[in-house]
C-alpha atoms as a PDB file:
ATOM      1  CA  UNK A   1       0.056  -0.026  -0.060  1.00  0.00           C
ATOM      2  CA  UNK A   2       1.533   3.346  -1.217  1.00  0.00           C
ATOM      3  CA  UNK A   3       1.543   6.407   1.194  1.00  0.00           C
ATOM      4  CA  UNK A   4       1.638   8.963  -1.546  1.00  0.00           C
ATOM      5  CA  UNK A   5      -1.477  11.207  -2.109  1.00  0.00           C
ATOM      6  CA  UNK A   6      -3.308  10.967  -5.498  1.00  0.00           C
ATOM      7  CA  UNK A   7      -2.598  14.027  -7.826  1.00  0.00           C
ATOM      8  CA  UNK A   8      -5.367  16.580  -8.159  1.00  0.00           C
ATOM      9  CA  UNK A   9      -7.217  16.544 -11.397  1.00  0.00           C
ATOM     10  CA  UNK A  10      -6.279  19.522 -13.837  1.00  0.00           C
ATOM     11  CA  UNK A  11      -9.890  19.505 -15.355  1.00  0.00           C
ATOM     12  CA  UNK A  12     -13.320  19.829 -13.484  1.00  0.00           C
ATOM     13  CA  UNK A  13     -15.206  16.724 -13.551  1.00  0.00           C
ATOM     14  CA  UNK A  14     -17.858  16.340 -16.277  1.00  0.00           C
ATOM     15  CA  UNK A  15     -21.007  18.264 -15.244  1.00  0.00           C
ATOM     16  CA  UNK A  16     -19.538  20.384 -12.621  1.00  0.00           C
ATOM     17  CA  UNK A  17     -20.209  23.897 -12.624  1.00  0.00           C
ATOM     18  CA  UNK A  18     -17.718  26.641 -13.778  1.00  0.00           C
ATOM     19  CA  UNK A  19     -16.026  28.664 -11.236  1.00  0.00           C
ATOM     20  CA  UNK A  20     -17.441  32.014 -10.507  1.00  0.00           C
ATOM     21  CA  UNK A  21     -14.338  33.793 -11.629  1.00  0.00           C
ATOM     22  CA  UNK A  22     -14.412  32.328 -15.134  1.00  0.00           C
ATOM     23  CA  UNK A  23     -18.359  32.584 -15.814  1.00  0.00           C
ATOM     24  CA  UNK A  24     -19.223  34.636 -19.099  1.00  0.00           C
ATOM     25  CA  UNK A  25     -21.125  37.885 -18.499  1.00  0.00           C
ATOM     26  CA  UNK A  26     -24.001  38.698 -20.864  1.00  0.00           C
ATOM     27  CA  UNK A  27     -24.056  42.552 -21.490  1.00  0.00           C
ATOM     28  CA  UNK A  28     -27.625  44.198 -22.126  1.00  0.00           C
ATOM     29  CA  UNK A  29     -28.545  46.076 -25.305  1.00  0.00           C
ATOM     30  CA  UNK A  30     -27.249  49.442 -25.455  1.00  0.00           C
ATOM     31  CA  UNK A  31     -30.627  50.989 -26.406  1.00  0.00           C
ATOM     32  CA  UNK A  32     -29.260  54.540 -26.187  1.00  0.00           C
ATOM     33  CA  UNK A  33     -26.356  53.655 -28.605  1.00  0.00           C
ATOM     34  CA  UNK A  34     -28.944  52.046 -31.061  1.00  0.00           C
ATOM     35  CA  UNK A  35     -31.098  55.053 -30.909  1.00  0.00           C
ATOM     36  CA  UNK A  36     -28.052  57.388 -31.637  1.00  0.00           C
ATOM     37  CA  UNK A  37     -26.994  55.209 -34.612  1.00  0.00           C
ATOM     38  CA  UNK A  38     -30.554  55.246 -36.089  1.00  0.00           C
ATOM     39  CA  UNK A  39     -30.663  59.166 -35.664  1.00  0.00           C
ATOM     40  CA  UNK A  40     -27.472  59.661 -37.507  1.00  0.00           C
ATOM     41  CA  UNK A  41     -28.515  57.371 -40.177  1.00  0.00           C
ATOM     42  CA  UNK A  42     -31.871  59.159 -40.643  1.00  0.00           C
ATOM     43  CA  UNK A  43     -30.102  62.486 -40.532  1.00  0.00           C
ATOM     44  CA  UNK A  44     -27.580  61.400 -43.305  1.00  0.00           C
ATOM     45  CA  UNK A  45     -30.447  59.964 -45.586  1.00  0.00           C
ATOM     46  CA  UNK A  46     -32.302  63.288 -45.191  1.00  0.00           C
ATOM     47  CA  UNK A  47     -29.205  65.377 -45.903  1.00  0.00           C
ATOM     48  CA  UNK A  48     -28.365  63.555 -48.927  1.00  0.00           C
ATOM     49  CA  UNK A  49     -32.014  63.634 -50.018  1.00  0.00           C
ATOM     50  CA  UNK A  50     -32.271  67.355 -49.359  1.00  0.00           C
ATOM     51  CA  UNK A  51     -28.842  68.656 -50.729  1.00  0.00           C
ATOM     52  CA  UNK A  52     -27.351  66.197 -53.236  1.00  0.00           C
ATOM     53  CA  UNK A  53     -30.245  64.223 -55.077  1.00  0.00           C
ATOM     54  CA  UNK A  54     -33.545  62.691 -54.398  1.00  0.00           C
ATOM     55  CA  UNK A  55     -36.027  60.363 -55.993  1.00  0.00           C
ATOM     56  CA  UNK A  56     -39.107  61.658 -57.883  1.00  0.00           C
ATOM     57  CA  UNK A  57     -42.285  59.753 -59.166  1.00  0.00           C
ATOM     58  CA  UNK A  58     -44.156  61.052 -62.110  1.00  0.00           C
ATOM     59  CA  UNK A  59     -47.684  61.200 -61.296  1.00  0.00           C
ATOM     60  CA  UNK A  60     -49.255  62.732 -64.428  1.00  0.00           C
ATOM     61  CA  UNK A  61     -49.253  62.769 -68.193  1.00  0.00           C
ATOM     62  CA  UNK A  62     -47.950  66.474 -68.427  1.00  0.00           C
ATOM     63  CA  UNK A  63     -44.467  65.652 -69.786  1.00  0.00           C
ATOM     64  CA  UNK A  64     -45.302  62.915 -72.239  1.00  0.00           C
ATOM     65  CA  UNK A  65     -43.965  61.638 -74.375  1.00  0.00           C
ATOM     66  CA  UNK A  66     -40.627  61.685 -72.586  1.00  0.00           C
ATOM     67  CA  UNK A  67     -41.940  60.800 -69.292  1.00  0.00           C
ATOM     68  CA  UNK A  68     -44.841  58.440 -68.408  1.00  0.00           C
ATOM     69  CA  UNK A  69     -46.861  58.038 -65.280  1.00  0.00           C
ATOM     70  CA  UNK A  70     -44.905  55.402 -63.319  1.00  0.00           C
ATOM     71  CA  UNK A  71     -41.438  56.513 -64.118  1.00  0.00           C
ATOM     72  CA  UNK A  72     -39.146  56.997 -61.080  1.00  0.00           C
ATOM     73  CA  UNK A  73     -36.406  59.726 -61.590  1.00  0.00           C
ATOM     74  CA  UNK A  74     -33.236  61.037 -59.942  1.00  0.00           C
ATOM     75  CA  UNK A  75     -33.294  64.650 -59.351  1.00  0.00           C
ATOM     76  CA  UNK A  76     -30.209  66.359 -58.529  1.00  0.00           C
ATOM     77  CA  UNK A  77     -30.366  69.189 -56.007  1.00  0.00           C
ATOM     78  CA  UNK A  78     -27.090  71.140 -56.379  1.00  0.00           C
ATOM     79  CA  UNK A  79     -26.989  72.463 -60.098  1.00  0.00           C
ATOM     80  CA  UNK A  80     -28.843  75.458 -59.232  1.00  0.00           C
ATOM     81  CA  UNK A  81     -27.732  76.118 -55.662  1.00  0.00           C
ATOM     82  CA  UNK A  82     -30.140  75.718 -52.671  1.00  0.00           C
ATOM     83  CA  UNK A  83     -33.252  77.564 -51.500  1.00  0.00           C
ATOM     84  CA  UNK A  84     -36.100  77.056 -49.219  1.00  0.00           C
ATOM     85  CA  UNK A  85     -37.482  74.165 -51.240  1.00  0.00           C
ATOM     86  CA  UNK A  86     -34.274  72.273 -51.213  1.00  0.00           C
ATOM     87  CA  UNK A  87     -34.641  70.378 -47.844  1.00  0.00           C
ATOM     88  CA  UNK A  88     -37.191  67.231 -47.660  1.00  0.00           C
ATOM     89  CA  UNK A  89     -40.778  68.219 -47.083  1.00  0.00           C
ATOM     90  CA  UNK A  90     -40.349  71.852 -47.451  1.00  0.00           C
ATOM     91  CA  UNK A  91     -39.728  72.395 -43.754  1.00  0.00           C
ATOM     92  CA  UNK A  92     -37.988  75.735 -44.044  1.00  0.00           C
ATOM     93  CA  UNK A  93     -39.702  79.068 -44.071  1.00  0.00           C
ATOM     94  CA  UNK A  94     -39.785  80.805 -47.639  1.00  0.00           C
ATOM     95  CA  UNK A  95     -37.212  83.102 -48.473  1.00  0.00           C
ATOM     96  CA  UNK A  96     -36.041  84.889 -51.654  1.00  0.00           C
ATOM     97  CA  UNK A  97     -32.993  84.018 -53.578  1.00  0.00           C
ATOM     98  CA  UNK A  98     -30.802  80.908 -53.523  1.00  0.00           C
ATOM     99  CA  UNK A  99     -27.333  80.008 -52.042  1.00  0.00           C
ATOM    100  CA  UNK A 100     -24.663  79.572 -54.499  1.00  0.00           C
ATOM    101  CA  UNK A 101     -27.422  79.897 -56.868  1.00  0.00           C
ATOM    102  CA  UNK A 102     -27.264  79.327 -60.750  1.00  0.00           C
ATOM    103  CA  UNK A 103     -29.843  79.909 -63.310  1.00  0.00           C
ATOM    104  CA  UNK A 104     -31.393  76.799 -65.213  1.00  0.00           C
ATOM    105  CA  UNK A 105     -30.582  76.402 -68.694  1.00  0.00           C
ATOM    106  CA  UNK A 106     -33.229  76.658 -71.406  1.00  0.00           C
ATOM    107  CA  UNK A 107     -34.526  73.066 -72.115  1.00  0.00           C
ATOM    108  CA  UNK A 108     -33.851  71.675 -68.490  1.00  0.00           C
ATOM    109  CA  UNK A 109     -36.343  69.509 -66.869  1.00  0.00           C
ATOM    110  CA  UNK A 110     -36.876  70.843 -63.339  1.00  0.00           C
ATOM    111  CA  UNK A 111     -39.132  70.191 -60.304  1.00  0.00           C
ATOM    112  CA  UNK A 112     -40.960  73.084 -59.077  1.00  0.00           C
ATOM    113  CA  UNK A 113     -43.044  74.119 -56.164  1.00  0.00           C
ATOM    114  CA  UNK A 114     -45.995  76.353 -57.228  1.00  0.00           C
ATOM    115  CA  UNK A 115     -46.376  79.693 -55.321  1.00  0.00           C
ATOM    116  CA  UNK A 116     -48.381  79.046 -52.232  1.00  0.00           C
ATOM    117  CA  UNK A 117     -48.101  75.333 -52.203  1.00  0.00           C
ATOM    118  CA  UNK A 118     -46.143  72.516 -50.990  1.00  0.00           C
ATOM    119  CA  UNK A 119     -46.499  69.870 -53.826  1.00  0.00           C
ATOM    120  CA  UNK A 120     -43.913  69.536 -56.570  1.00  0.00           C
ATOM    121  CA  UNK A 121     -44.488  69.729 -60.326  1.00  0.00           C
ATOM    122  CA  UNK A 122     -42.198  68.778 -63.193  1.00  0.00           C
ATOM    123  CA  UNK A 123     -41.877  70.943 -66.187  1.00  0.00           C
ATOM    124  CA  UNK A 124     -39.421  72.079 -68.901  1.00  0.00           C
ATOM    125  CA  UNK A 125     -37.533  75.485 -68.742  1.00  0.00           C
ATOM    126  CA  UNK A 126     -38.467  77.607 -71.868  1.00  0.00           C
ATOM    127  CA  UNK A 127     -37.758  81.104 -70.835  1.00  0.00           C
ATOM    128  CA  UNK A 128     -35.206  82.965 -68.777  1.00  0.00           C
ATOM    129  CA  UNK A 129     -35.127  86.362 -67.190  1.00  0.00           C
ATOM    130  CA  UNK A 130     -35.419  89.058 -69.772  1.00  0.00           C
ATOM    131  CA  UNK A 131     -37.065  86.722 -72.463  1.00  0.00           C
ATOM    132  CA  UNK A 132     -40.391  87.409 -73.924  1.00  0.00           C
ATOM    133  CA  UNK A 133     -42.581  84.535 -74.382  1.00  0.00           C
ATOM    134  CA  UNK A 134     -45.863  84.082 -76.512  1.00  0.00           C
ATOM    135  CA  UNK A 135     -47.907  81.070 -77.762  1.00  0.00           C
ATOM    136  CA  UNK A 136     -49.836  81.583 -80.913  1.00  0.00           C
ATOM    137  CA  UNK A 137     -51.944  78.537 -82.192  1.00  0.00           C
ATOM    138  CA  UNK A 138     -49.691  76.121 -80.393  1.00  0.00           C
ATOM    139  CA  UNK A 139     -46.367  77.707 -81.554  1.00  0.00           C
ATOM    140  CA  UNK A 140     -44.005  79.287 -78.988  1.00  0.00           C
ATOM    141  CA  UNK A 141     -42.520  82.495 -79.738  1.00  0.00           C
ATOM    142  CA  UNK A 142     -39.239  83.361 -77.896  1.00  0.00           C
ATOM    143  CA  UNK A 143     -38.037  86.883 -77.950  1.00  0.00           C
ATOM    144  CA  UNK A 144     -40.251  87.526 -80.950  1.00  0.00           C
ATOM    145  CA  UNK A 145     -38.841  84.363 -83.100  1.00  0.00           C
ATOM    146  CA  UNK A 146     -40.905  81.160 -83.610  1.00  0.00           C
ATOM    147  CA  UNK A 147     -39.231  78.180 -81.838  1.00  0.00           C
ATOM    148  CA  UNK A 148     -38.387  75.768 -84.650  1.00  0.00           C
ATOM    149  CA  UNK A 149     -41.016  72.918 -84.617  1.00  0.00           C
ATOM    150  CA  UNK A 150     -40.956  69.839 -86.871  1.00  0.00           C
ATOM    151  CA  UNK A 151     -43.520  67.249 -86.970  1.00  0.00           C
ATOM    152  CA  UNK A 152     -42.137  63.754 -86.203  1.00  0.00           C
ATOM    153  CA  UNK A 153     -43.528  60.252 -86.632  1.00  0.00           C
ATOM    154  CA  UNK A 154     -46.385  59.514 -84.259  1.00  0.00           C
ATOM    155  CA  UNK A 155     -45.509  57.882 -80.873  1.00  0.00           C
ATOM    156  CA  UNK A 156     -46.386  54.355 -80.176  1.00  0.00           C
ATOM    157  CA  UNK A 157     -46.762  54.191 -76.283  1.00  0.00           C
ATOM    158  CA  UNK A 158     -48.019  50.810 -75.041  1.00  0.00           C
ATOM    159  CA  UNK A 159     -51.332  51.143 -73.249  1.00  0.00           C
ATOM    160  CA  UNK A 160     -51.173  49.788 -69.644  1.00  0.00           C
ATOM    161  CA  UNK A 161     -52.839  50.824 -66.355  1.00  0.00           C
ATOM    162  CA  UNK A 162     -50.598  53.989 -65.945  1.00  0.00           C
ATOM    163  CA  UNK A 163     -51.293  54.988 -69.643  1.00  0.00           C
ATOM    164  CA  UNK A 164     -54.704  54.059 -70.269  1.00  0.00           C
ATOM    165  CA  UNK A 165     -55.032  56.402 -73.260  1.00  0.00           C
ATOM    166  CA  UNK A 166     -58.778  57.138 -72.707  1.00  0.00           C
ATOM    167  CA  UNK A 167     -60.653  59.009 -75.251  1.00  0.00           C
ATOM    168  CA  UNK A 168     -61.123  62.705 -74.519  1.00  0.00           C
ATOM    169  CA  UNK A 169     -62.328  65.886 -76.232  1.00  0.00           C
ATOM    170  CA  UNK A 170     -59.373  65.634 -78.522  1.00  0.00           C
ATOM    171  CA  UNK A 171     -60.288  62.272 -79.968  1.00  0.00           C
ATOM    172  CA  UNK A 172     -59.282  58.436 -79.522  1.00  0.00           C
ATOM    173  CA  UNK A 173     -55.835  57.779 -80.175  1.00  0.00           C
ATOM    174  CA  UNK A 174     -55.715  53.771 -79.373  1.00  0.00           C
ATOM    175  CA  UNK A 175     -54.655  51.521 -82.072  1.00  0.00           C
ATOM    176  CA  UNK A 176     -53.643  47.853 -82.459  1.00  0.00           C
ATOM    177  CA  UNK A 177     -50.024  47.311 -83.311  1.00  0.00           C
ATOM    178  CA  UNK A 178     -48.712  44.628 -85.522  1.00  0.00           C
ATOM    179  CA  UNK A 179     -47.892  42.609 -82.343  1.00  0.00           C
ATOM    180  CA  UNK A 180     -51.513  42.626 -81.346  1.00  0.00           C
ATOM    181  CA  UNK A 181     -51.036  44.994 -78.409  1.00  0.00           C
ATOM    182  CA  UNK A 182     -52.806  48.196 -77.880  1.00  0.00           C
ATOM    183  CA  UNK A 183     -50.869  51.328 -78.316  1.00  0.00           C
ATOM    184  CA  UNK A 184     -51.438  55.024 -77.748  1.00  0.00           C
ATOM    185  CA  UNK A 185     -50.570  56.674 -81.141  1.00  0.00           C
ATOM    186  CA  UNK A 186     -49.952  60.528 -80.534  1.00  0.00           C
ATOM    187  CA  UNK A 187     -48.873  63.214 -82.654  1.00  0.00           C
ATOM    188  CA  UNK A 188     -45.180  64.413 -81.831  1.00  0.00           C
ATOM    189  CA  UNK A 189     -43.481  67.755 -82.768  1.00  0.00           C
ATOM    190  CA  UNK A 190     -39.848  68.257 -81.936  1.00  0.00           C
ATOM    191  CA  UNK A 191     -39.045  71.814 -80.731  1.00  0.00           C
ATOM    192  CA  UNK A 192     -35.524  73.307 -80.949  1.00  0.00           C
ATOM    193  CA  UNK A 193     -34.564  76.189 -78.738  1.00  0.00           C
ATOM    194  CA  UNK A 194     -32.235  78.940 -79.728  1.00  0.00           C
ATOM    195  CA  UNK A 195     -29.318  77.283 -77.652  1.00  0.00           C
ATOM    196  CA  UNK A 196     -29.566  74.091 -79.985  1.00  0.00           C
ATOM    197  CA  UNK A 197     -31.286  71.777 -77.342  1.00  0.00           C
ATOM    198  CA  UNK A 198     -34.356  69.858 -78.689  1.00  0.00           C
ATOM    199  CA  UNK A 199     -37.157  67.719 -77.250  1.00  0.00           C
ATOM    200  CA  UNK A 200     -40.465  66.135 -78.377  1.00  0.00           C
ATOM    201  CA  UNK A 201     -43.743  67.460 -77.265  1.00  0.00           C
ATOM    202  CA  UNK A 202     -47.412  66.516 -77.877  1.00  0.00           C
ATOM    203  CA  UNK A 203     -50.059  68.500 -79.447  1.00  0.00           C
ATOM    204  CA  UNK A 204     -53.226  66.814 -80.113  1.00  0.00           C
ATOM    205  CA  UNK A 205     -55.405  69.781 -80.933  1.00  0.00           C
ATOM    206  CA  UNK A 206     -56.389  73.218 -80.108  1.00  0.00           C
ATOM    207  CA  UNK A 207     -56.695  73.788 -76.489  1.00  0.00           C
ATOM    208  CA  UNK A 208     -56.738  76.681 -74.078  1.00  0.00           C
ATOM    209  CA  UNK A 209     -52.878  76.771 -73.634  1.00  0.00           C
ATOM    210  CA  UNK A 210     -52.416  77.271 -77.497  1.00  0.00           C
ATOM    211  CA  UNK A 211     -52.745  80.709 -77.180  1.00  0.00           C
ATOM    212  CA  UNK A 212     -50.981  82.960 -74.518  1.00  0.00           C
ATOM    213  CA  UNK A 213     -50.412  86.534 -74.529  1.00  0.00           C
ATOM    214  CA  UNK A 214     -46.830  87.961 -74.586  1.00  0.00           C
ATOM    215  CA  UNK A 215     -45.153  88.214 -71.187  1.00  0.00           C
ATOM    216  CA  UNK A 216     -41.597  89.247 -70.165  1.00  0.00           C
ATOM    217  CA  UNK A 217     -39.902  86.935 -67.770  1.00  0.00           C
ATOM    218  CA  UNK A 218     -38.923  89.210 -64.684  1.00  0.00           C
ATOM    219  CA  UNK A 219     -35.518  88.938 -62.986  1.00  0.00           C
ATOM    220  CA  UNK A 220     -35.019  85.978 -60.890  1.00  0.00           C
ATOM    221  CA  UNK A 221     -37.769  84.005 -62.720  1.00  0.00           C
ATOM    222  CA  UNK A 222     -38.055  81.234 -65.312  1.00  0.00           C
ATOM    223  CA  UNK A 223     -40.969  80.325 -67.572  1.00  0.00           C
ATOM    224  CA  UNK A 224     -41.992  76.561 -67.499  1.00  0.00           C
ATOM    225  CA  UNK A 225     -44.196  74.303 -69.841  1.00  0.00           C
ATOM    226  CA  UNK A 226     -45.029  70.619 -69.935  1.00  0.00           C
ATOM    227  CA  UNK A 227     -44.219  68.702 -73.051  1.00  0.00           C
ATOM    228  CA  UNK A 228     -47.519  67.457 -73.232  1.00  0.00           C
ATOM    229  CA  UNK A 229     -48.972  70.816 -74.379  1.00  0.00           C
ATOM    230  CA  UNK A 230     -52.532  70.004 -74.185  1.00  0.00           C
ATOM    231  CA  UNK A 231     -52.598  68.516 -70.894  1.00  0.00           C
ATOM    232  CA  UNK A 232     -50.132  70.565 -68.715  1.00  0.00           C
ATOM    233  CA  UNK A 233     -50.782  72.925 -65.997  1.00  0.00           C
ATOM    234  CA  UNK A 234     -47.837  75.360 -66.292  1.00  0.00           C
ATOM    235  CA  UNK A 235     -46.764  78.940 -66.529  1.00  0.00           C
ATOM    236  CA  UNK A 236     -49.537  79.533 -69.133  1.00  0.00           C
ATOM    237  CA  UNK A 237     -52.316  78.969 -66.395  1.00  0.00           C
ATOM    238  CA  UNK A 238     -53.407  80.613 -63.379  1.00  0.00           C
ATOM    239  CA  UNK A 239     -52.311  79.185 -59.908  1.00  0.00           C
ATOM    240  CA  UNK A 240     -54.802  77.798 -57.709  1.00  0.00           C
ATOM    241  CA  UNK A 241     -58.196  75.949 -58.284  1.00  0.00           C
ATOM    242  CA  UNK A 242     -59.398  75.210 -60.813  1.00  0.00           C
ATOM    243  CA  UNK A 243     -56.550  75.627 -63.415  1.00  0.00           C
ATOM    244  CA  UNK A 244     -53.831  74.620 -60.919  1.00  0.00           C
ATOM    245  CA  UNK A 245     -51.204  76.228 -62.948  1.00  0.00           C
ATOM    246  CA  UNK A 246     -48.144  78.076 -62.011  1.00  0.00           C
ATOM    247  CA  UNK A 247     -49.528  81.515 -62.446  1.00  0.00           C
ATOM    248  CA  UNK A 248     -46.870  82.744 -65.021  1.00  0.00           C
ATOM    249  CA  UNK A 249     -43.115  83.009 -64.656  1.00  0.00           C
ATOM    250  CA  UNK A 250     -41.934  81.225 -61.381  1.00  0.00           C
ATOM    251  CA  UNK A 251     -39.518  82.512 -58.843  1.00  0.00           C
ATOM    252  CA  UNK A 252     -36.145  80.634 -59.412  1.00  0.00           C
ATOM    253  CA  UNK A 253     -36.187  79.874 -55.531  1.00  0.00           C
ATOM    254  CA  UNK A 254     -39.005  77.777 -56.133  1.00  0.00           C
ATOM    255  CA  UNK A 255     -37.092  75.376 -58.528  1.00  0.00           C
ATOM    256  CA  UNK A 256     -36.152  72.296 -56.398  1.00  0.00           C
ATOM    257  CA  UNK A 257     -33.708  70.371 -58.717  1.00  0.00           C
ATOM    258  CA  UNK A 258     -32.906  69.159 -62.127  1.00  0.00           C
ATOM    259  CA  UNK A 259     -34.183  65.753 -63.429  1.00  0.00           C
ATOM    260  CA  UNK A 260     -31.275  63.597 -64.722  1.00  0.00           C
ATOM    261  CA  UNK A 261     -32.442  59.955 -65.565  1.00  0.00           C
ATOM    262  CA  UNK A 262     -34.989  57.388 -65.152  1.00  0.00           C
ATOM    263  CA  UNK A 263     -34.170  54.577 -62.599  1.00  0.00           C
ATOM    264  CA  UNK A 264     -36.966  52.416 -63.463  1.00  0.00           C
ATOM    265  CA  UNK A 265     -40.705  52.590 -64.616  1.00  0.00           C
ATOM    266  CA  UNK A 266     -43.781  50.658 -63.629  1.00  0.00           C
ATOM    267  CA  UNK A 267     -46.790  49.950 -65.715  1.00  0.00           C
ATOM    268  CA  UNK A 268     -49.321  50.337 -62.740  1.00  0.00           C
ATOM    269  CA  UNK A 269     -49.986  46.468 -62.609  1.00  0.00           C
ATOM    270  CA  UNK A 270     -48.090  45.707 -59.534  1.00  0.00           C
ATOM    271  CA  UNK A 271     -49.690  44.742 -56.276  1.00  0.00           C
ATOM    272  CA  UNK A 272     -48.228  45.646 -52.884  1.00  0.00           C
ATOM    273  CA  UNK A 273     -49.084  42.076 -51.663  1.00  0.00           C
ATOM    274  CA  UNK A 274     -47.414  40.303 -54.471  1.00  0.00           C
ATOM    275  CA  UNK A 275     -43.767  40.555 -54.724  1.00  0.00           C
ATOM    276  CA  UNK A 276     -43.528  38.800 -57.977  1.00  0.00           C
ATOM    277  CA  UNK A 277     -45.685  41.595 -59.487  1.00  0.00           C
ATOM    278  CA  UNK A 278     -43.116  44.232 -58.562  1.00  0.00           C
ATOM    279  CA  UNK A 279     -40.832  42.681 -61.271  1.00  0.00           C
ATOM    280  CA  UNK A 280     -43.517  41.844 -63.912  1.00  0.00           C
ATOM    281  CA  UNK A 281     -44.760  45.381 -63.687  1.00  0.00           C
ATOM    282  CA  UNK A 282     -41.376  46.776 -64.844  1.00  0.00           C
ATOM    283  CA  UNK A 283     -41.344  48.548 -68.193  1.00  0.00           C
ATOM    284  CA  UNK A 284     -38.615  47.474 -70.303  1.00  0.00           C
ATOM    285  CA  UNK A 285     -36.101  49.905 -71.865  1.00  0.00           C
ATOM    286  CA  UNK A 286     -36.724  52.755 -69.696  1.00  0.00           C
ATOM    287  CA  UNK A 287     -34.049  52.390 -67.027  1.00  0.00           C
ATOM    288  CA  UNK A 288     -31.123  54.556 -67.302  1.00  0.00           C
ATOM    289  CA  UNK A 289     -32.708  56.908 -70.056  1.00  0.00           C
ATOM    290  CA  UNK A 290     -31.163  60.382 -69.631  1.00  0.00           C
ATOM    291  CA  UNK A 291     -33.560  63.301 -69.347  1.00  0.00           C
ATOM    292  CA  UNK A 292     -31.125  65.950 -70.460  1.00  0.00           C
ATOM    293  CA  UNK A 293     -32.329  67.499 -74.005  1.00  0.00           C
ATOM    294  CA  UNK A 294     -30.558  66.701 -77.040  1.00  0.00           C
ATOM    295  CA  UNK A 295     -27.776  68.971 -77.826  1.00  0.00           C
ATOM    296  CA  UNK A 296     -26.941  70.392 -81.094  1.00  0.00           C
ATOM    297  CA  UNK A 297     -25.832  73.546 -82.814  1.00  0.00           C
ATOM    298  CA  UNK A 298     -28.156  76.665 -82.578  1.00  0.00           C
ATOM    299  CA  UNK A 299     -30.515  76.854 -85.627  1.00  0.00           C
ATOM    300  CA  UNK A 300     -29.519  79.120 -88.298  1.00  0.00           C
ATOM    301  CA  UNK A 301     -32.843  80.716 -88.440  1.00  0.00           C
ATOM    302  CA  UNK A 302     -35.970  80.081 -86.353  1.00  0.00           C
ATOM    303  CA  UNK A 303     -38.829  78.579 -88.210  1.00  0.00           C
ATOM    304  CA  UNK A 304     -42.139  76.701 -87.902  1.00  0.00           C
ATOM    305  CA  UNK A 305     -42.975  73.731 -89.861  1.00  0.00           C
ATOM    306  CA  UNK A 306     -46.344  72.970 -88.135  1.00  0.00           C
END
């Protein structure tokens, strides 16, 4: 029989509890830290949305044929500087002028807040400070000269939930294409401004906006029109109900930014509760389309080929 003591075990027996000194500690959630992180994230998103760029949804047909209901755009906020309309939700009090301001160019597509409202419209810049604007029988006269206007082949816009092409007082423009699908076939006229920038417009017949008495654009203002000339509430119409126009030339501080390109477009068939429809509703071929006017040399002589 040995008198030596048995050596102590180096490891605790299976199932034995860990010593108090080595037990892991579980830290609680730092709710204050989480709230601060969310706050800074929201602030960063709002800052980018307010001062760099923001998305914009096309709600009406006033800028057809270039823009359709359901188009989603990117609008840059910085090209013209910043004003009271720049921050998200128009939370600032109204003031005149702009910070680091620059005047839009003729032909730019801009978002604008009508005087006395908080909603945003999207229109095209036609006149700058000092310009005279007049519309006679659908022809735009800029500084006494008719803007060059050329008839183009008719559009063939696919009919869908966002572009129903319902018959109206101007007629029924629905036709069936060779592929068996229904299309909206509309008359198109290409306008070319004195700076050489051109874009397509729609003119389906004589309307109230086809005749507009001459006005001079005041200092610090711009004159805006929609490309769908018979279905656009713009600088040709009085502000407020029922015309809901812009009330003439608009102060440049009411310009919220410049439309740059289309990100994607939906045909109106998507359902909130059906994720698959979010993809099937996408219109092909519109993503990435630039919204800057076609650039070209200034026309040699203004004309009118209506």
